[in-house]
Amino acid sequence: MKYHITTFGCQMNVHESEKLAGIMEKLGIVSCTKLEDADIIVFNTCAIREGAQNRAVGNIGSLKSLKKHYPQKIIAVCGCMTQQEQIAKKLYKMFPFVDIIFGTKNFDKFESYLIETIKNKNINSKKRIISISQEDNVVENLPIFRSSGKNFWVNIIYGCNNFCSYCIVPYVRGRERSRNKEDIINEIKQILNSTNEKVRITLLGQNVNSYGKDKYEDYGFAELLNEICEIDGNFELTFMTSHPKDITDKVIDAISHQNKIIKELHLPVQSGSDKILKAMNRKYTIKSYMEIINKLKKLIPNIRLTTDIIVGFPGETDEDFKKTCELIQNVNYSGIFAFMFSPREGTVAEKMENQVPYEIKNQRVNHLLNLEKEIQNNNSKK
């Protein structure tokens, strides 16, 4: 049998698709490049923005004809989108040709779902599986079929406790759960023992700076970074994503002094306006954010800084947007990921007044992208 996985969304989803692939490889199912050739088709979905969700729905719907001609094919849909119970049930009704639907919190059950579905197909049973767990747990020792070349993803923490008013992540990923430091160290050692080439280790978490707060008294993200850098091996280290309110001087010091840590940091600011940041529930001000930026630039003059910006958050005025543009110029980011605000069902921002019209959001995001190009051109000349 052959499988094909389509992944939407962030690096966390990419790595979780590697785990899904690992489960299938363990069962003797092999990867194929063409979706049409696959016996098992998996969509690992994202819910962070409306566009990603719409793309997933469109891709799933396009398989109706294929499944009609080849009813033995197995179609599975999982990830952040299907962790939302109302959406999972909606997909179950919309797409009766989908065999398995499950969320982010029961990836470890995929093997049993798959085996059960294969058995059902063999006896011409039309039984389908929909399973959305609400348990916040950490499952270790899942097989991983790594497919990102020399870049090796390593989860260190799951979930998020921040509840930014626009964000669905705490609802689909649960509360913060740190992995045991020993499990993280052992996974990295296994990676390094599997190859003689230089590799990049990328630590993953919705908020890596919160690592250890739920598990240890005197051991956090900075201590983890330092311990990883002491491991013998030919590797470089990076991580994502950092929340500005939680980054500490000890973390900045580790980035500065540890040679194995790549001198780059993705630090999402989201807006240059304190008014908008408060409405977003980001729990920092532009003054405190710039203090972090100035520390980083002082200790690491060659650091590469990138950020996320949400354009057109409810209540954002021209003056608020102007402050965002000024911040971008002041920091001189190496890269900007700019997005139009997309209301997510179940979040606080969905019900906020003063929603910004699409036309204005579109104008502002294009202005930001042009500003980014201008900054990058100037930096290239220098």
Protein backbone atom coordinates (compact mmCIF):
# COMPACT_ATOMS: atom_id res chain seq x y z
CA MET A 1 0.00 0.00 0.00
CA LYS A 2 1.00 3.61 -0.60
CA TYR A 3 0.22 6.83 1.27
CA HIS A 4 0.25 10.55 0.52
CA ILE A 5 0.12 13.34 3.13
CA THR A 6 -0.87 16.94 2.39
CA THR A 7 0.16 19.30 5.19
CA PHE A 8 -1.29 22.76 5.81
CA GLY A 9 0.07 25.27 8.33
CA CYS A 10 3.09 25.60 10.56
CA GLN A 11 6.27 23.66 11.28
CA MET A 12 4.48 21.89 14.12
CA ASN A 13 2.09 20.42 11.56
CA VAL A 14 4.99 19.47 9.28
CA HIS A 15 6.60 17.55 12.12
CA GLU A 16 3.33 15.89 13.11
CA SER A 17 2.94 14.75 9.50
CA GLU A 18 6.35 13.11 9.91
CA LYS A 19 4.88 11.20 12.86
CA LEU A 20 1.84 10.16 10.83
CA ALA A 21 4.22 9.01 8.09
CA GLY A 22 6.25 7.12 10.70
CA ILE A 23 3.16 5.23 11.83
CA MET A 24 2.35 4.20 8.25
CA GLU A 25 5.95 3.28 7.41
CA LYS A 26 5.96 1.07 10.52
CA LEU A 27 2.94 -0.77 9.04
CA GLY A 28 4.81 -1.31 5.76
CA ILE A 29 2.93 1.43 3.86
CA VAL A 30 5.23 3.51 1.63
CA SER A 31 5.10 7.12 0.50
CA CYS A 32 4.18 8.19 -3.03
CA THR A 33 4.45 11.60 -4.68
CA LYS A 34 1.13 11.60 -6.56
CA LEU A 35 -2.02 11.83 -4.48
CA GLU A 36 -3.96 9.84 -7.11
CA ASP A 37 -1.61 6.85 -6.69
CA ALA A 38 -2.12 6.64 -2.92
CA ASP A 39 -4.21 4.01 -1.16
CA ILE A 40 -4.26 6.21 1.94
CA ILE A 41 -4.68 9.98 1.59
CA VAL A 42 -4.15 12.16 4.67
CA PHE A 43 -4.88 15.87 5.08
CA ASN A 44 -3.20 17.43 8.13
CA THR A 45 -5.09 20.71 8.51
CA CYS A 46 -4.55 24.18 9.96
CA ALA A 47 -7.12 26.48 11.58
CA ILE A 48 -5.01 29.54 12.37
CA ARG A 49 -6.46 31.54 9.44
CA GLU A 50 -9.54 31.31 7.27
CA GLY A 51 -7.47 30.92 4.09
CA ALA A 52 -5.72 27.78 5.31
CA GLN A 53 -9.03 26.29 6.41
CA ASN A 54 -10.68 27.06 3.07
CA ARG A 55 -7.79 25.49 1.14
CA ALA A 56 -8.10 22.32 3.18
CA VAL A 57 -11.85 22.10 2.61
CA GLY A 58 -11.36 22.67 -1.13
CA ASN A 59 -8.71 19.96 -1.36
CA ILE A 60 -10.86 17.46 0.55
CA GLY A 61 -13.90 18.20 -1.61
CA SER A 62 -11.92 17.69 -4.81
CA LEU A 63 -11.50 13.99 -3.95
CA LYS A 64 -15.18 13.15 -4.25
CA SER A 65 -14.85 11.92 -7.83
CA LEU A 66 -11.63 9.98 -7.12
CA LYS A 67 -13.23 8.21 -4.16
CA LYS A 68 -16.31 7.40 -6.26
CA HIS A 69 -14.15 5.57 -8.82
CA TYR A 70 -11.86 3.98 -6.19
CA PRO A 71 -13.99 3.40 -3.05
CA GLN A 72 -11.25 1.27 -1.44
CA LYS A 73 -9.04 4.34 -1.01
CA ILE A 74 -8.87 5.58 2.57
CA ILE A 75 -9.15 9.31 3.22
CA ALA A 76 -8.20 10.72 6.64
CA VAL A 77 -8.49 14.33 7.85
CA CYS A 78 -6.76 15.48 11.03
CA GLY A 79 -5.07 18.45 12.68
CA CYS A 80 -6.08 21.78 14.19
CA MET A 81 -9.18 22.23 12.06
CA THR A 82 -10.70 18.91 13.10
CA GLN A 83 -9.82 19.40 16.78
CA GLN A 84 -12.75 21.85 16.77
CA GLU A 85 -15.63 19.49 17.40
CA GLN A 86 -18.22 21.55 15.53
CA ILE A 87 -16.01 21.67 12.43
CA ALA A 88 -15.16 17.96 12.66
CA LYS A 89 -18.88 17.10 12.73
CA LYS A 90 -19.54 19.49 9.85
CA LEU A 91 -16.83 17.82 7.73
CA TYR A 92 -18.23 14.40 8.65
CA LYS A 93 -21.60 15.43 7.18
CA MET A 94 -20.21 17.40 4.21
CA PHE A 95 -17.85 14.69 3.01
CA PRO A 96 -19.35 11.21 3.51
CA PHE A 97 -16.43 9.78 1.49
CA VAL A 98 -13.95 10.70 4.26
CA ASP A 99 -13.20 7.59 6.34
CA ILE A 100 -11.28 8.95 9.36
CA ILE A 101 -11.51 12.30 11.18
CA PHE A 102 -9.45 13.02 14.29
CA GLY A 103 -7.89 15.98 16.12
CA THR A 104 -4.49 17.11 17.37
CA LYS A 105 -4.77 15.36 20.73
CA ASN A 106 -5.10 11.78 19.47
CA PHE A 107 -2.41 11.50 16.78
CA ASP A 108 -1.11 8.49 18.69
CA LYS A 109 -4.37 6.64 17.91
CA PHE A 110 -3.90 6.94 14.14
CA GLU A 111 -2.43 3.45 13.83
CA SER A 112 -5.49 1.83 15.43
CA TYR A 113 -7.87 3.98 13.33
CA LEU A 114 -6.03 2.94 10.18
CA ILE A 115 -5.95 -0.77 10.99
CA GLU A 116 -9.67 -0.73 11.84
CA THR A 117 -10.51 1.08 8.59
CA ILE A 118 -8.44 -1.32 6.47
CA LYS A 119 -10.29 -4.24 8.07
CA ASN A 120 -13.62 -2.55 7.38
CA LYS A 121 -12.68 -2.06 3.72
CA ASN A 122 -11.78 -5.74 3.41
CA ILE A 123 -15.28 -6.78 4.51
CA ASN A 124 -16.98 -3.99 2.52
CA SER A 125 -18.10 -2.23 5.70
CA LYS A 126 -18.88 1.49 5.33
CA LYS A 127 -18.17 2.24 8.98
CA ARG A 128 -16.40 5.59 9.48
CA ILE A 129 -14.36 6.95 12.37
CA ILE A 130 -14.66 10.39 13.99
CA SER A 131 -12.67 10.83 17.20
CA ILE A 132 -11.90 14.13 18.92
CA SER A 133 -10.07 13.76 22.24
CA GLN A 134 -10.02 16.57 24.83
CA GLU A 135 -7.21 15.09 26.95
CA ASP A 136 -4.07 17.22 27.22
CA ASN A 137 -1.28 14.67 27.29
CA VAL A 138 2.26 14.15 25.99
CA VAL A 139 2.85 10.92 24.09
CA GLU A 140 6.44 9.78 23.64
CA ASN A 141 8.10 7.23 21.36
CA LEU A 142 5.89 7.65 18.30
CA PRO A 143 7.76 6.54 15.15
CA ILE A 144 8.99 9.42 12.98
CA PHE A 145 9.67 9.29 9.25
CA ARG A 146 11.71 12.45 8.82
CA SER A 147 11.31 14.14 5.46
CA SER A 148 12.80 17.62 5.92
CA GLY A 149 16.32 16.89 4.73
CA LYS A 150 19.00 18.15 7.11
CA ASN A 151 16.43 20.02 9.22
CA PHE A 152 15.24 17.96 12.19
CA TRP A 153 12.18 19.16 14.11
CA VAL A 154 12.00 18.44 17.85
CA ASN A 155 8.93 19.32 19.93
CA ILE A 156 9.76 20.63 23.39
CA ILE A 157 6.35 21.94 24.52
CA TYR A 158 2.76 21.53 23.38
CA GLY A 159 -0.18 23.89 23.79
CA CYS A 160 -0.48 27.53 24.82
CA ASN A 161 -1.72 29.42 27.90
CA ASN A 162 -1.74 32.93 26.45
CA PHE A 163 -5.23 33.23 24.93
CA CYS A 164 -4.47 36.09 22.57
CA SER A 165 -7.89 37.38 21.62
CA TYR A 166 -7.53 36.51 17.91
CA CYS A 167 -5.99 33.06 18.30
CA ILE A 168 -7.60 29.61 18.11
CA VAL A 169 -4.43 27.73 19.18
CA PRO A 170 -5.22 27.31 22.92
CA TYR A 171 -8.58 25.80 21.97
CA VAL A 172 -7.17 23.28 19.49
CA ARG A 173 -3.79 22.57 21.13
CA GLY A 174 -4.76 22.72 24.80
CA ARG A 175 -2.79 24.02 27.77
CA GLU A 176 1.00 24.08 27.91
CA ARG A 177 2.64 20.69 28.48
CA SER A 178 6.43 20.50 28.54
CA ARG A 179 8.21 17.32 27.53
CA ASN A 180 10.67 15.80 29.98
CA LYS A 181 14.10 17.29 29.37
CA GLU A 182 15.61 13.79 29.29
CA ASP A 183 13.31 12.79 26.42
CA ILE A 184 14.29 15.89 24.44
CA ILE A 185 18.01 15.33 24.99
CA ASN A 186 17.72 11.64 24.06
CA GLU A 187 15.81 12.45 20.87
CA ILE A 188 18.50 14.91 19.79
CA LYS A 189 21.25 12.38 20.54
CA GLN A 190 19.41 9.78 18.43
CA ILE A 191 19.21 12.27 15.55
CA LEU A 192 22.94 12.99 15.76
CA ASN A 193 23.78 9.27 15.92
CA SER A 194 21.73 8.67 12.75
CA THR A 195 23.91 10.78 10.45
CA ASN A 196 27.48 11.95 9.90
CA GLU A 197 26.38 15.16 8.19
CA LYS A 198 25.91 18.53 9.82
CA VAL A 199 22.24 19.01 10.69
CA ARG A 200 19.96 21.76 11.91
CA ILE A 201 17.91 21.03 15.04
CA THR A 202 14.78 23.19 15.30
CA LEU A 203 13.02 23.18 18.66
CA LEU A 204 9.26 23.60 18.32
CA GLY A 205 6.51 24.94 20.53
CA GLN A 206 3.63 27.38 20.38
CA ASN A 207 5.68 29.32 22.94
CA VAL A 208 9.15 27.85 23.49
CA ASN A 209 9.94 30.49 26.12
CA SER A 210 7.39 28.86 28.44
CA TYR A 211 9.26 25.55 28.42
CA GLY A 212 9.54 23.97 31.87
CA LYS A 213 7.20 26.32 33.75
CA ASP A 214 4.66 23.55 34.23
CA LYS A 215 7.25 20.92 35.16
CA TYR A 216 10.40 22.30 36.84
CA GLU A 217 11.25 24.89 39.49
CA ASP A 218 14.74 25.87 38.37
CA TYR A 219 14.94 24.62 34.81
CA GLY A 220 13.52 26.54 31.86
CA PHE A 221 14.14 27.27 28.21
CA ALA A 222 17.54 28.90 28.75
CA GLU A 223 18.78 25.88 30.72
CA LEU A 224 17.50 23.54 28.01
CA LEU A 225 19.30 25.53 25.29
CA ASN A 226 22.57 25.41 27.22
CA GLU A 227 22.28 21.68 27.91
CA ILE A 228 21.55 20.88 24.26
CA CYS A 229 24.58 22.92 23.17
CA GLU A 230 26.78 20.74 25.40
CA ILE A 231 25.87 17.61 23.39
CA ASP A 232 28.71 16.37 21.20
CA GLY A 233 27.82 16.44 17.53
CA ASN A 234 27.92 18.38 14.29
CA PHE A 235 24.78 20.51 14.48
CA GLU A 236 23.36 23.99 14.66
CA LEU A 237 20.37 24.93 16.83
CA THR A 238 17.37 27.17 16.32
CA PHE A 239 13.81 27.40 17.66
CA MET A 240 10.32 28.79 17.12
CA THR A 241 8.19 30.47 18.22
CA SER A 242 9.00 32.95 20.99
CA HIS A 243 6.42 35.09 22.75
CA PRO A 244 7.89 38.55 23.56
CA LYS A 245 6.38 38.64 27.06
CA ASP A 246 8.27 35.50 28.11
CA ILE A 247 11.74 35.89 26.62
CA THR A 248 14.31 36.33 29.41
CA ASP A 249 17.77 37.77 29.71
CA LYS A 250 19.04 34.22 30.26
CA VAL A 251 17.64 33.14 26.90
CA ILE A 252 19.17 36.17 25.17
CA ASP A 253 22.47 35.36 26.89
CA ALA A 254 22.32 31.77 25.64
CA ILE A 255 21.69 32.91 22.06
CA SER A 256 24.62 35.30 22.38
CA HIS A 257 27.20 32.94 23.90
CA GLN A 258 26.38 29.50 22.52
CA ASN A 259 28.12 29.08 19.18
CA LYS A 260 25.78 26.30 18.07
CA ILE A 261 22.72 28.56 18.29
CA ILE A 262 21.98 30.31 15.00
CA LYS A 263 21.95 34.08 15.46
CA GLU A 264 18.36 34.60 14.43
CA LEU A 265 15.11 35.09 16.30
CA HIS A 266 11.49 35.10 15.19
CA LEU A 267 9.75 37.44 17.63
CA PRO A 268 6.13 38.14 16.61
CA VAL A 269 5.09 41.67 17.53
CA GLN A 270 1.69 41.61 15.72
CA SER A 271 1.15 45.39 15.96
CA GLY A 272 3.07 48.61 16.63
CA SER A 273 0.19 50.13 18.60
CA ASP A 274 -0.16 49.64 22.36
CA LYS A 275 -3.92 50.08 22.01
CA ILE A 276 -4.14 47.20 19.56
CA LEU A 277 -1.72 45.04 21.56
CA LYS A 278 -3.95 45.45 24.61
CA ALA A 279 -7.02 44.48 22.57
CA MET A 280 -5.07 41.46 21.32
CA ASN A 281 -4.25 40.47 24.94
CA ARG A 282 -0.54 40.28 24.08
CA LYS A 283 0.57 41.40 27.59
CA TYR A 284 3.49 43.61 26.51
CA THR A 285 3.94 47.17 25.25
CA ILE A 286 5.99 48.50 22.37
CA LYS A 287 8.37 50.00 24.94
CA SER A 288 9.04 46.60 26.56
CA TYR A 289 9.27 44.95 23.12
CA MET A 290 11.88 47.49 21.97
CA GLU A 291 13.87 46.93 25.18
CA ILE A 292 14.19 43.27 24.15
CA ILE A 293 15.15 44.23 20.59
CA ASN A 294 17.82 46.66 21.83
CA LYS A 295 19.30 44.03 24.19
CA LEU A 296 19.46 41.53 21.33
CA LYS A 297 21.15 43.99 18.98
CA LYS A 298 23.63 45.10 21.64
CA LEU A 299 24.71 41.55 22.57
CA ILE A 300 24.36 40.05 19.07
CA PRO A 301 25.05 42.80 16.48
CA ASN A 302 24.64 40.41 13.54
CA ILE A 303 21.33 38.91 14.70
CA ARG A 304 18.65 38.28 12.07
CA LEU A 305 15.23 39.36 13.36
CA THR A 306 11.89 38.36 11.83
CA THR A 307 8.34 38.98 12.96
CA ASP A 308 4.61 38.45 12.38
CA ILE A 309 2.18 41.31 11.81
CA ILE A 310 -1.62 41.13 11.88
CA VAL A 311 -3.13 43.88 9.75
CA GLY A 312 -6.66 45.17 10.22
CA PHE A 313 -7.34 43.92 13.74
CA PRO A 314 -10.75 45.20 14.96
CA GLY A 315 -10.48 48.88 15.86
CA GLU A 316 -7.16 49.44 14.03
CA THR A 317 -7.09 53.04 12.79
CA ASP A 318 -4.79 54.66 10.24
CA GLU A 319 -2.79 56.01 13.19
CA ASP A 320 -2.42 52.52 14.69
CA PHE A 321 -1.24 51.18 11.34
CA LYS A 322 1.21 54.07 10.98
CA LYS A 323 2.76 53.07 14.32
CA THR A 324 3.21 49.52 13.02
CA CYS A 325 5.04 50.85 9.95
CA GLU A 326 7.26 53.02 12.15
CA LEU A 327 8.11 50.04 14.35
CA ILE A 328 9.08 47.94 11.31
CA GLN A 329 11.43 50.69 10.11
CA ASN A 330 12.94 51.16 13.58
CA VAL A 331 13.66 47.46 14.10
CA ASN A 332 14.77 46.94 10.49
CA TYR A 333 13.54 43.34 10.35
CA SER A 334 15.19 40.86 8.02
CA GLY A 335 11.80 39.34 7.24
CA ILE A 336 8.12 40.05 7.91
CA PHE A 337 5.17 37.70 7.75
CA ALA A 338 2.14 39.96 7.32
CA PHE A 339 -1.43 38.67 7.47
CA MET A 340 -4.87 40.22 7.29
CA PHE A 341 -6.90 39.67 10.44
CA SER A 342 -9.10 36.61 10.04
CA PRO A 343 -11.83 36.12 12.66
CA ARG A 344 -11.75 32.61 14.15
CA GLU A 345 -14.93 31.10 15.53
CA GLY A 346 -14.81 30.83 19.31
CA THR A 347 -12.23 33.58 19.89
CA VAL A 348 -12.82 36.90 21.66
CA ALA A 349 -11.86 38.96 18.58
CA GLU A 350 -14.54 37.30 16.48
CA LYS A 351 -17.23 39.24 18.36
CA MET A 352 -15.37 42.56 18.62
CA GLU A 353 -16.92 45.71 17.20
CA ASN A 354 -15.24 47.97 14.62
CA GLN A 355 -14.24 45.16 12.27
CA VAL A 356 -11.99 46.60 9.53
CA PRO A 357 -13.32 46.25 5.95
CA TYR A 358 -11.48 43.83 3.67
CA GLU A 359 -10.48 46.59 1.21
CA ILE A 360 -8.63 48.52 3.94
CA LYS A 361 -6.95 45.36 5.28
CA ASN A 362 -5.82 44.49 1.77
CA GLN A 363 -4.37 47.97 1.18
CA ARG A 364 -2.51 47.87 4.48
CA VAL A 365 -1.02 44.40 4.02
CA ASN A 366 0.21 45.35 0.54
CA HIS A 367 1.75 48.52 1.99
CA LEU A 368 3.61 46.41 4.57
CA LEU A 369 4.89 44.00 1.94
CA ASN A 370 6.20 46.91 -0.13
CA LEU A 371 7.80 48.40 2.98
CA GLU A 372 9.52 45.07 3.66
CA LYS A 373 10.91 44.99 0.10
CA GLU A 374 12.23 48.52 0.52
CA ILE A 375 13.98 47.62 3.78
CA GLN A 376 15.50 44.46 2.30
CA ASN A 377 16.75 46.38 -0.77
CA ASN A 378 18.41 48.97 1.46
CA ASN A 379 20.01 46.23 3.58
CA SER A 380 21.28 44.48 0.45
CA LYS A 381 22.94 47.70 -0.73
CA LYS A 382 24.65 48.09 2.64
